[in-house]
Amino acid sequence: MADRDALLAQLATIRPRRQAIDTEELQLVADLRAAACPWKFIAQALGRETPNVIATFKPKLEETRTVRVRPNPEEKP
């Protein structure tokens, strides 16, 4: 029975390890997106199709965009 208990104990460690890996993967994707890395390259690194990677990760990310506004030369200050 000790073998069964040891195997059950090992099995119980899989879910937390998987969650840790998922968290690490999400953080890496977030860091890459913050560094303006295109989804295509992230998908290639994961060995997946781009639309699937976007569908998996984009809803979990909070992305911001920087918008530059050029002054209108015709407007007077």
Protein backbone atom coordinates (compact mmCIF):
# COMPACT_ATOMS: atom_id res chain seq x y z
CA MET A 1 0.00 0.00 0.00
CA ALA A 2 2.90 2.38 0.55
CA ASP A 3 3.51 2.43 -3.20
CA ARG A 4 -0.10 3.45 -3.80
CA ASP A 5 0.11 6.22 -1.19
CA ALA A 6 3.34 7.50 -2.70
CA LEU A 7 1.84 7.51 -6.18
CA LEU A 8 -1.28 9.31 -4.94
CA ALA A 9 0.91 11.90 -3.22
CA GLN A 10 2.86 12.43 -6.46
CA LEU A 11 -0.38 12.74 -8.41
CA ALA A 12 -1.63 15.38 -6.00
CA THR A 13 1.39 17.58 -6.81
CA ILE A 14 0.62 17.78 -10.53
CA ARG A 15 -2.23 20.31 -10.42
CA PRO A 16 -0.30 22.96 -8.41
CA ARG A 17 2.73 22.52 -10.66
CA ARG A 18 0.55 22.84 -13.77
CA GLN A 19 -1.04 26.01 -12.36
CA ALA A 20 2.41 27.44 -11.65
CA ILE A 21 3.51 26.74 -15.23
CA ASP A 22 0.30 28.29 -16.61
CA THR A 23 0.91 31.40 -14.51
CA GLU A 24 4.50 31.62 -15.70
CA GLU A 25 3.43 31.18 -19.33
CA LEU A 26 0.79 33.92 -19.01
CA GLN A 27 3.34 36.29 -17.45
CA LEU A 28 5.83 35.64 -20.25
CA VAL A 29 3.16 36.31 -22.87
CA ALA A 30 2.17 39.51 -21.06
CA ASP A 31 5.81 40.63 -20.91
CA LEU A 32 6.30 39.88 -24.60
CA ARG A 33 3.16 41.80 -25.56
CA ALA A 34 4.28 44.74 -23.39
CA ALA A 35 7.54 44.66 -25.35
CA ALA A 36 5.49 44.93 -28.60
CA CYS A 37 6.16 41.34 -29.65
CA PRO A 38 3.67 40.29 -32.36
CA TRP A 39 1.27 37.43 -31.62
CA LYS A 40 2.76 35.53 -34.57
CA PHE A 41 6.12 35.14 -32.83
CA ILE A 42 4.54 34.17 -29.52
CA ALA A 43 2.48 31.52 -31.30
CA GLN A 44 5.60 30.18 -33.03
CA ALA A 45 7.43 29.94 -29.70
CA LEU A 46 4.49 27.99 -28.25
CA GLY A 47 4.18 25.75 -31.31
CA ARG A 48 0.58 26.82 -31.82
CA GLU A 49 -1.50 28.66 -34.40
CA THR A 50 -1.72 32.43 -33.98
CA PRO A 51 -5.54 32.67 -33.75
CA ASN A 52 -5.59 30.02 -31.03
CA VAL A 53 -2.92 31.81 -29.02
CA ILE A 54 -4.76 35.12 -29.34
CA ALA A 55 -8.03 33.48 -28.25
CA THR A 56 -6.31 31.86 -25.26
CA PHE A 57 -4.28 34.77 -23.94
CA LYS A 58 -5.75 38.07 -25.12
CA PRO A 59 -8.82 37.91 -22.85
CA LYS A 60 -6.50 37.39 -19.86
CA LEU A 61 -4.29 40.39 -20.66
CA GLU A 62 -4.82 44.05 -20.04
CA GLU A 63 -3.08 45.77 -22.90
CA THR A 64 -2.64 49.47 -23.31
CA ARG A 65 -1.73 51.48 -26.36
CA THR A 66 0.22 54.68 -26.58
CA VAL A 67 -1.29 57.26 -28.87
CA ARG A 68 0.74 60.20 -30.06
CA VAL A 69 -1.15 63.30 -31.09
CA ARG A 70 0.56 65.64 -33.50
CA PRO A 71 -0.20 69.28 -33.02
CA ASN A 72 -2.26 70.80 -35.78
CA PRO A 73 -0.12 73.56 -37.35
CA GLU A 74 -3.27 75.47 -38.28
CA GLU A 75 -4.49 75.74 -34.70
CA LYS A 76 -3.42 78.78 -32.74
CA PRO A 77 -2.37 78.24 -29.13
